[in-house]
């Protein structure tokens, strides 16, 4: 089988880069996948998508806004604009 992305960047906070933050988590509702997105000013944020349990190529839902973004005190420092 050939690999293909299960999602494409749509929201501003993920337009420069979009990737997974680890393996999917199986839930009753579907596969929960935490994601990281990079938006303007190289700001890294955490998001999530939900994939169908039986067909993980089908996206059931996705967050329009990130779960976590850098706060003002995290915008400067060793790795600015990044949350882990």
PDB file of N, CA and C in Angstrom:
ATOM      1  N   UNK A   1       0.827  -1.205   0.000  1.00  0.00           N
ATOM      2  CA  UNK A   1       0.000   0.000   0.000  1.00  0.00           C
ATOM      3  C   UNK A   1       0.867   1.262   0.000  1.00  0.00           C
ATOM      4  N   UNK A   2       0.345   2.299  -0.578  1.00  0.00           N
ATOM      5  CA  UNK A   2       1.064   3.572  -0.595  1.00  0.00           C
ATOM      6  C   UNK A   2       0.589   4.446   0.556  1.00  0.00           C
ATOM      7  N   UNK A   3       1.499   5.225   1.073  1.00  0.00           N
ATOM      8  CA  UNK A   3       1.168   6.130   2.178  1.00  0.00           C
ATOM      9  C   UNK A   3       0.602   7.427   1.628  1.00  0.00           C
ATOM     10  N   UNK A   4      -0.357   7.972   2.351  1.00  0.00           N
ATOM     11  CA  UNK A   4      -0.906   9.277   1.983  1.00  0.00           C
ATOM     12  C   UNK A   4      -1.296  10.005   3.261  1.00  0.00           C
ATOM     13  N   UNK A   5      -1.194  11.331   3.264  1.00  0.00           N
ATOM     14  CA  UNK A   5      -1.544  12.080   4.477  1.00  0.00           C
ATOM     15  C   UNK A   5      -3.027  11.959   4.791  1.00  0.00           C
ATOM     16  N   UNK A   6      -3.349  11.890   6.083  1.00  0.00           N
ATOM     17  CA  UNK A   6      -4.755  11.809   6.485  1.00  0.00           C
ATOM     18  C   UNK A   6      -5.349  13.191   6.710  1.00  0.00           C
ATOM     19  N   UNK A   7      -4.508  14.219   6.697  1.00  0.00           N
ATOM     20  CA  UNK A   7      -5.022  15.582   6.841  1.00  0.00           C
ATOM     21  C   UNK A   7      -4.085  16.558   6.160  1.00  0.00           C
ATOM     22  N   UNK A   8      -4.624  17.681   5.803  1.00  0.00           N
ATOM     23  CA  UNK A   8      -3.868  18.763   5.186  1.00  0.00           C
ATOM     24  C   UNK A   8      -4.032  20.007   6.053  1.00  0.00           C
ATOM     25  N   UNK A   9      -3.046  20.897   6.068  1.00  0.00           N
ATOM     26  CA  UNK A   9      -3.203  22.146   6.822  1.00  0.00           C
ATOM     27  C   UNK A   9      -4.374  22.962   6.284  1.00  0.00           C
ATOM     28  N   UNK A  10      -5.236  23.407   7.179  1.00  0.00           N
ATOM     29  CA  UNK A  10      -6.392  24.224   6.799  1.00  0.00           C
ATOM     30  C   UNK A  10      -6.394  25.533   7.578  1.00  0.00           C
ATOM     31  N   UNK A  11      -6.179  25.426   8.880  1.00  0.00           N
ATOM     32  CA  UNK A  11      -6.262  26.595   9.752  1.00  0.00           C
ATOM     33  C   UNK A  11      -4.945  27.377   9.741  1.00  0.00           C
ATOM     34  N   UNK A  12      -5.014  28.663  10.059  1.00  0.00           N
ATOM     35  CA  UNK A  12      -3.825  29.529  10.034  1.00  0.00           C
ATOM     36  C   UNK A  12      -2.722  29.024  10.961  1.00  0.00           C
ATOM     37  N   UNK A  13      -3.089  28.451  12.109  1.00  0.00           N
ATOM     38  CA  UNK A  13      -2.089  28.034  13.089  1.00  0.00           C
ATOM     39  C   UNK A  13      -1.295  26.800  12.651  1.00  0.00           C
ATOM     40  N   UNK A  14      -1.673  26.173  11.529  1.00  0.00           N
ATOM     41  CA  UNK A  14      -0.989  24.965  11.059  1.00  0.00           C
ATOM     42  C   UNK A  14      -0.521  25.072   9.603  1.00  0.00           C
ATOM     43  N   UNK A  15      -0.557  26.277   9.020  1.00  0.00           N
ATOM     44  CA  UNK A  15      -0.301  26.409   7.584  1.00  0.00           C
ATOM     45  C   UNK A  15       1.137  26.123   7.165  1.00  0.00           C
ATOM     46  N   UNK A  16       2.112  26.385   8.010  1.00  0.00           N
ATOM     47  CA  UNK A  16       3.505  26.171   7.614  1.00  0.00           C
ATOM     48  C   UNK A  16       3.958  24.731   7.794  1.00  0.00           C
ATOM     49  N   UNK A  17       3.402  24.050   8.786  1.00  0.00           N
ATOM     50  CA  UNK A  17       3.789  22.667   9.052  1.00  0.00           C
ATOM     51  C   UNK A  17       2.701  22.002   9.875  1.00  0.00           C
ATOM     52  N   UNK A  18       2.495  20.714   9.630  1.00  0.00           N
ATOM     53  CA  UNK A  18       1.496  19.950  10.368  1.00  0.00           C
ATOM     54  C   UNK A  18       2.016  18.533  10.548  1.00  0.00           C
ATOM     55  N   UNK A  19       1.975  18.016  11.784  1.00  0.00           N
ATOM     56  CA  UNK A  19       2.451  16.660  12.033  1.00  0.00           C
ATOM     57  C   UNK A  19       1.851  16.083  13.293  1.00  0.00           C
ATOM     58  N   UNK A  20       2.124  14.810  13.526  1.00  0.00           N
ATOM     59  CA  UNK A  20       1.621  14.122  14.714  1.00  0.00           C
ATOM     60  C   UNK A  20       2.518  14.389  15.912  1.00  0.00           C
ATOM     61  N   UNK A  21       1.927  14.280  17.106  1.00  0.00           N
ATOM     62  CA  UNK A  21       2.673  14.418  18.365  1.00  0.00           C
ATOM     63  C   UNK A  21       2.808  13.070  19.057  1.00  0.00           C
ATOM     64  N   UNK A  22       2.826  12.000  18.329  1.00  0.00           N
ATOM     65  CA  UNK A  22       2.923  10.674  18.918  1.00  0.00           C
ATOM     66  C   UNK A  22       1.927   9.732  18.275  1.00  0.00           C
ATOM     67  N   UNK A  23       1.833   8.512  18.798  1.00  0.00           N
ATOM     68  CA  UNK A  23       0.930   7.526  18.201  1.00  0.00           C
ATOM     69  C   UNK A  23      -0.535   7.855  18.490  1.00  0.00           C
ATOM     70  N   UNK A  24      -1.448   7.365  17.649  1.00  0.00           N
ATOM     71  CA  UNK A  24      -2.881   7.566  17.897  1.00  0.00           C
ATOM     72  C   UNK A  24      -3.304   6.880  19.194  1.00  0.00           C
ATOM     73  N   UNK A  25      -4.330   7.440  19.827  1.00  0.00           N
ATOM     74  CA  UNK A  25      -4.887   6.891  21.061  1.00  0.00           C
ATOM     75  C   UNK A  25      -6.272   6.346  20.733  1.00  0.00           C
ATOM     76  N   UNK A  26      -6.483   5.052  20.992  1.00  0.00           N
ATOM     77  CA  UNK A  26      -7.781   4.444  20.693  1.00  0.00           C
ATOM     78  C   UNK A  26      -8.799   4.851  21.756  1.00  0.00           C
ATOM     79  N   UNK A  27      -9.926   5.414  21.318  1.00  0.00           N
ATOM     80  CA  UNK A  27     -11.027   5.779  22.210  1.00  0.00           C
ATOM     81  C   UNK A  27     -12.306   5.161  21.656  1.00  0.00           C
ATOM     82  N   UNK A  28     -13.378   5.183  22.428  1.00  0.00           N
ATOM     83  CA  UNK A  28     -14.661   4.679  21.937  1.00  0.00           C
ATOM     84  C   UNK A  28     -15.156   5.472  20.730  1.00  0.00           C
ATOM     85  N   UNK A  29     -14.789   6.742  20.656  1.00  0.00           N
ATOM     86  CA  UNK A  29     -15.257   7.617  19.573  1.00  0.00           C
ATOM     87  C   UNK A  29     -14.413   7.503  18.310  1.00  0.00           C
ATOM     88  N   UNK A  30     -13.195   6.997  18.433  1.00  0.00           N
ATOM     89  CA  UNK A  30     -12.297   6.897  17.286  1.00  0.00           C
ATOM     90  C   UNK A  30     -10.852   7.029  17.724  1.00  0.00           C
ATOM     91  N   UNK A  31      -9.954   7.116  16.751  1.00  0.00           N
ATOM     92  CA  UNK A  31      -8.533   7.296  17.029  1.00  0.00           C
ATOM     93  C   UNK A  31      -8.264   8.772  17.269  1.00  0.00           C
ATOM     94  N   UNK A  32      -7.816   9.113  18.466  1.00  0.00           N
ATOM     95  CA  UNK A  32      -7.465  10.489  18.798  1.00  0.00           C
ATOM     96  C   UNK A  32      -5.993  10.699  18.464  1.00  0.00           C
ATOM     97  N   UNK A  33      -5.724  11.686  17.621  1.00  0.00           N
ATOM     98  CA  UNK A  33      -4.353  11.986  17.215  1.00  0.00           C
ATOM     99  C   UNK A  33      -4.037  13.423  17.614  1.00  0.00           C
ATOM    100  N   UNK A  34      -3.091  13.584  18.531  1.00  0.00           N
ATOM    101  CA  UNK A  34      -2.623  14.926  18.869  1.00  0.00           C
ATOM    102  C   UNK A  34      -1.667  15.366  17.769  1.00  0.00           C
ATOM    103  N   UNK A  35      -1.784  16.622  17.369  1.00  0.00           N
ATOM    104  CA  UNK A  35      -0.976  17.143  16.269  1.00  0.00           C
ATOM    105  C   UNK A  35      -0.219  18.382  16.717  1.00  0.00           C
ATOM    106  N   UNK A  36       0.814  18.723  15.959  1.00  0.00           N
ATOM    107  CA  UNK A  36       1.473  20.011  16.159  1.00  0.00           C
ATOM    108  C   UNK A  36       1.374  20.772  14.847  1.00  0.00           C
ATOM    109  N   UNK A  37       1.148  22.052  14.978  1.00  0.00           N
ATOM    110  CA  UNK A  37       1.066  22.901  13.803  1.00  0.00           C
ATOM    111  C   UNK A  37       1.976  24.099  13.968  1.00  0.00           C
ATOM    112  N   UNK A  38       2.482  24.566  12.844  1.00  0.00           N
ATOM    113  CA  UNK A  38       3.319  25.760  12.845  1.00  0.00           C
ATOM    114  C   UNK A  38       2.627  26.800  11.983  1.00  0.00           C
ATOM    115  N   UNK A  39       2.409  27.959  12.574  1.00  0.00           N
ATOM    116  CA  UNK A  39       1.736  29.038  11.866  1.00  0.00           C
ATOM    117  C   UNK A  39       2.642  30.236  11.682  1.00  0.00           C
ATOM    118  N   UNK A  40       2.041  31.380  11.433  1.00  0.00           N
ATOM    119  CA  UNK A  40       2.813  32.606  11.242  1.00  0.00           C
ATOM    120  C   UNK A  40       3.740  32.873  12.431  1.00  0.00           C
ATOM    121  N   UNK A  41       4.822  33.518  12.168  1.00  0.00           N
ATOM    122  CA  UNK A  41       5.839  33.855  13.183  1.00  0.00           C
ATOM    123  C   UNK A  41       6.464  32.597  13.782  1.00  0.00           C
ATOM    124  N   UNK A  42       6.387  31.460  13.058  1.00  0.00           N
ATOM    125  CA  UNK A  42       6.961  30.183  13.503  1.00  0.00           C
ATOM    126  C   UNK A  42       6.441  29.782  14.881  1.00  0.00           C
ATOM    127  N   UNK A  43       5.178  30.037  15.144  1.00  0.00           N
ATOM    128  CA  UNK A  43       4.547  29.668  16.405  1.00  0.00           C
ATOM    129  C   UNK A  43       4.061  28.224  16.330  1.00  0.00           C
ATOM    130  N   UNK A  44       4.538  27.383  17.244  1.00  0.00           N
ATOM    131  CA  UNK A  44       4.141  25.982  17.321  1.00  0.00           C
ATOM    132  C   UNK A  44       2.964  25.848  18.282  1.00  0.00           C
ATOM    133  N   UNK A  45       1.933  25.111  17.865  1.00  0.00           N
ATOM    134  CA  UNK A  45       0.751  24.886  18.696  1.00  0.00           C
ATOM    135  C   UNK A  45       0.376  23.413  18.657  1.00  0.00           C
ATOM    136  N   UNK A  46      -0.425  22.985  19.635  1.00  0.00           N
ATOM    137  CA  UNK A  46      -0.899  21.608  19.715  1.00  0.00           C
ATOM    138  C   UNK A  46      -2.374  21.571  19.327  1.00  0.00           C
ATOM    139  N   UNK A  47      -2.741  20.620  18.467  1.00  0.00           N
ATOM    140  CA  UNK A  47      -4.125  20.439  18.046  1.00  0.00           C
ATOM    141  C   UNK A  47      -4.513  18.973  18.152  1.00  0.00           C
ATOM    142  N   UNK A  48      -5.636  18.595  17.551  1.00  0.00           N
ATOM    143  CA  UNK A  48      -6.085  17.205  17.587  1.00  0.00           C
ATOM    144  C   UNK A  48      -7.037  16.924  16.435  1.00  0.00           C
ATOM    145  N   UNK A  49      -6.998  15.669  15.976  1.00  0.00           N
ATOM    146  CA  UNK A  49      -7.986  15.174  15.020  1.00  0.00           C
ATOM    147  C   UNK A  49      -8.526  13.855  15.557  1.00  0.00           C
ATOM    148  N   UNK A  50      -9.691  13.467  15.074  1.00  0.00           N
ATOM    149  CA  UNK A  50     -10.302  12.195  15.440  1.00  0.00           C
ATOM    150  C   UNK A  50     -10.535  11.410  14.160  1.00  0.00           C
ATOM    151  N   UNK A  51      -9.988  10.184  14.108  1.00  0.00           N
ATOM    152  CA  UNK A  51     -10.106   9.330  12.929  1.00  0.00           C
ATOM    153  C   UNK A  51     -11.046   8.171  13.211  1.00  0.00           C
ATOM    154  N   UNK A  52     -11.706   7.698  12.180  1.00  0.00           N
ATOM    155  CA  UNK A  52     -12.613   6.557  12.280  1.00  0.00           C
ATOM    156  C   UNK A  52     -11.842   5.315  12.745  1.00  0.00           C
ATOM    157  N   UNK A  53     -12.411   4.550  13.681  1.00  0.00           N
ATOM    158  CA  UNK A  53     -11.740   3.350  14.196  1.00  0.00           C
ATOM    159  C   UNK A  53     -11.520   2.303  13.113  1.00  0.00           C
ATOM    160  N   UNK A  54     -12.512   2.100  12.260  1.00  0.00           N
ATOM    161  CA  UNK A  54     -12.424   1.060  11.236  1.00  0.00           C
ATOM    162  C   UNK A  54     -11.723   1.532   9.968  1.00  0.00           C
ATOM    163  N   UNK A  55     -11.777   2.820   9.693  1.00  0.00           N
ATOM    164  CA  UNK A  55     -11.141   3.386   8.501  1.00  0.00           C
ATOM    165  C   UNK A  55     -10.384   4.648   8.903  1.00  0.00           C
ATOM    166  N   UNK A  56      -9.158   4.486   9.403  1.00  0.00           N
ATOM    167  CA  UNK A  56      -8.418   5.644   9.903  1.00  0.00           C
ATOM    168  C   UNK A  56      -8.031   6.662   8.830  1.00  0.00           C
ATOM    169  N   UNK A  57      -8.361   6.397   7.580  1.00  0.00           N
ATOM    170  CA  UNK A  57      -8.146   7.417   6.546  1.00  0.00           C
ATOM    171  C   UNK A  57      -9.281   8.436   6.557  1.00  0.00           C
ATOM    172  N   UNK A  58     -10.352   8.144   7.305  1.00  0.00           N
ATOM    173  CA  UNK A  58     -11.512   9.049   7.361  1.00  0.00           C
ATOM    174  C   UNK A  58     -11.435   9.911   8.622  1.00  0.00           C
ATOM    175  N   UNK A  59     -11.333  11.216   8.416  1.00  0.00           N
ATOM    176  CA  UNK A  59     -11.290  12.166   9.531  1.00  0.00           C
ATOM    177  C   UNK A  59     -12.718  12.440   9.991  1.00  0.00           C
ATOM    178  N   UNK A  60     -13.006  12.138  11.255  1.00  0.00           N
ATOM    179  CA  UNK A  60     -14.332  12.383  11.835  1.00  0.00           C
ATOM    180  C   UNK A  60     -14.448  13.827  12.301  1.00  0.00           C
ATOM    181  N   UNK A  61     -13.370  14.340  12.879  1.00  0.00           N
ATOM    182  CA  UNK A  61     -13.398  15.707  13.385  1.00  0.00           C
ATOM    183  C   UNK A  61     -11.996  16.237  13.577  1.00  0.00           C
ATOM    184  N   UNK A  62     -11.911  17.540  13.635  1.00  0.00           N
ATOM    185  CA  UNK A  62     -10.624  18.197  13.879  1.00  0.00           C
ATOM    186  C   UNK A  62     -10.875  19.515  14.582  1.00  0.00           C
ATOM    187  N   UNK A  63      -9.916  19.947  15.377  1.00  0.00           N
ATOM    188  CA  UNK A  63     -10.050  21.220  16.076  1.00  0.00           C
ATOM    189  C   UNK A  63      -9.766  22.372  15.121  1.00  0.00           C
ATOM    190  N   UNK A  64     -10.601  23.381  15.183  1.00  0.00           N
ATOM    191  CA  UNK A  64     -10.378  24.577  14.373  1.00  0.00           C
ATOM    192  C   UNK A  64      -9.392  25.520  15.056  1.00  0.00           C
ATOM    193  N   UNK A  65      -9.335  25.420  16.385  1.00  0.00           N
ATOM    194  CA  UNK A  65      -8.387  26.214  17.174  1.00  0.00           C
ATOM    195  C   UNK A  65      -7.491  25.249  17.939  1.00  0.00           C
ATOM    196  N   UNK A  66      -6.251  25.631  18.196  1.00  0.00           N
ATOM    197  CA  UNK A  66      -5.349  24.725  18.910  1.00  0.00           C
ATOM    198  C   UNK A  66      -5.759  24.505  20.365  1.00  0.00           C
ATOM    199  N   UNK A  67      -5.392  23.335  20.875  1.00  0.00           N
ATOM    200  CA  UNK A  67      -5.589  23.027  22.302  1.00  0.00           C
ATOM    201  C   UNK A  67      -4.659  23.864  23.165  1.00  0.00           C
ATOM    202  N   UNK A  68      -3.456  24.082  22.667  1.00  0.00           N
ATOM    203  CA  UNK A  68      -2.414  24.737  23.445  1.00  0.00           C
ATOM    204  C   UNK A  68      -1.556  25.588  22.515  1.00  0.00           C
ATOM    205  N   UNK A  69      -1.339  26.836  22.908  1.00  0.00           N
ATOM    206  CA  UNK A  69      -0.462  27.747  22.167  1.00  0.00           C
ATOM    207  C   UNK A  69       0.489  28.407  23.160  1.00  0.00           C
ATOM    208  N   UNK A  70       1.607  28.925  22.697  1.00  0.00           N
ATOM    209  CA  UNK A  70       2.533  29.578  23.619  1.00  0.00           C
ATOM    210  C   UNK A  70       1.900  30.805  24.274  1.00  0.00           C
ATOM    211  N   UNK A  71       2.036  30.896  25.591  1.00  0.00           N
ATOM    212  CA  UNK A  71       1.579  32.093  26.299  1.00  0.00           C
ATOM    213  C   UNK A  71       2.654  33.168  26.161  1.00  0.00           C
ATOM    214  N   UNK A  72       2.367  34.364  26.617  1.00  0.00           N
ATOM    215  CA  UNK A  72       3.307  35.477  26.433  1.00  0.00           C
ATOM    216  C   UNK A  72       4.677  35.191  27.046  1.00  0.00           C
ATOM    217  N   UNK A  73       4.729  34.484  28.185  1.00  0.00           N
ATOM    218  CA  UNK A  73       6.031  34.195  28.794  1.00  0.00           C
ATOM    219  C   UNK A  73       6.770  33.054  28.092  1.00  0.00           C
ATOM    220  N   UNK A  74       6.119  32.373  27.139  1.00  0.00           N
ATOM    221  CA  UNK A  74       6.763  31.307  26.367  1.00  0.00           C
ATOM    222  C   UNK A  74       7.155  31.770  24.962  1.00  0.00           C
ATOM    223  N   UNK A  75       6.953  33.043  24.666  1.00  0.00           N
ATOM    224  CA  UNK A  75       7.248  33.536  23.329  1.00  0.00           C
ATOM    225  C   UNK A  75       8.696  33.970  23.166  1.00  0.00           C
ATOM    226  N   UNK A  76       9.456  33.966  24.240  1.00  0.00           N
ATOM    227  CA  UNK A  76      10.876  34.289  24.202  1.00  0.00           C
ATOM    228  C   UNK A  76      11.619  33.245  25.014  1.00  0.00           C
ATOM    229  N   UNK A  77      12.880  33.041  24.682  1.00  0.00           N
ATOM    230  CA  UNK A  77      13.676  32.087  25.435  1.00  0.00           C
ATOM    231  C   UNK A  77      14.486  31.191  24.525  1.00  0.00           C
ATOM    232  N   UNK A  78      14.905  30.050  25.067  1.00  0.00           N
ATOM    233  CA  UNK A  78      15.771  29.122  24.343  1.00  0.00           C
ATOM    234  C   UNK A  78      15.126  28.660  23.037  1.00  0.00           C
ATOM    235  N   UNK A  79      13.851  28.270  23.093  1.00  0.00           N
ATOM    236  CA  UNK A  79      13.087  27.902  21.895  1.00  0.00           C
ATOM    237  C   UNK A  79      11.814  28.745  21.915  1.00  0.00           C
ATOM    238  N   UNK A  80      11.837  29.936  21.317  1.00  0.00           N
ATOM    239  CA  UNK A  80      10.682  30.825  21.388  1.00  0.00           C
ATOM    240  C   UNK A  80       9.490  30.318  20.579  1.00  0.00           C
ATOM    241  N   UNK A  81       8.292  30.674  21.045  1.00  0.00           N
ATOM    242  CA  UNK A  81       7.029  30.377  20.352  1.00  0.00           C
ATOM    243  C   UNK A  81       6.727  28.894  20.218  1.00  0.00           C
ATOM    244  N   UNK A  82       7.215  28.069  21.149  1.00  0.00           N
ATOM    245  CA  UNK A  82       7.010  26.623  21.067  1.00  0.00           C
ATOM    246  C   UNK A  82       6.429  26.116  22.378  1.00  0.00           C
ATOM    247  N   UNK A  83       5.450  25.214  22.288  1.00  0.00           N
ATOM    248  CA  UNK A  83       4.936  24.500  23.459  1.00  0.00           C
ATOM    249  C   UNK A  83       5.204  23.016  23.248  1.00  0.00           C
ATOM    250  N   UNK A  84       5.503  22.302  24.344  1.00  0.00           N
ATOM    251  CA  UNK A  84       5.770  20.867  24.268  1.00  0.00           C
ATOM    252  C   UNK A  84       4.741  20.131  25.071  1.00  0.00           C
TER     253      UNK A  84
END
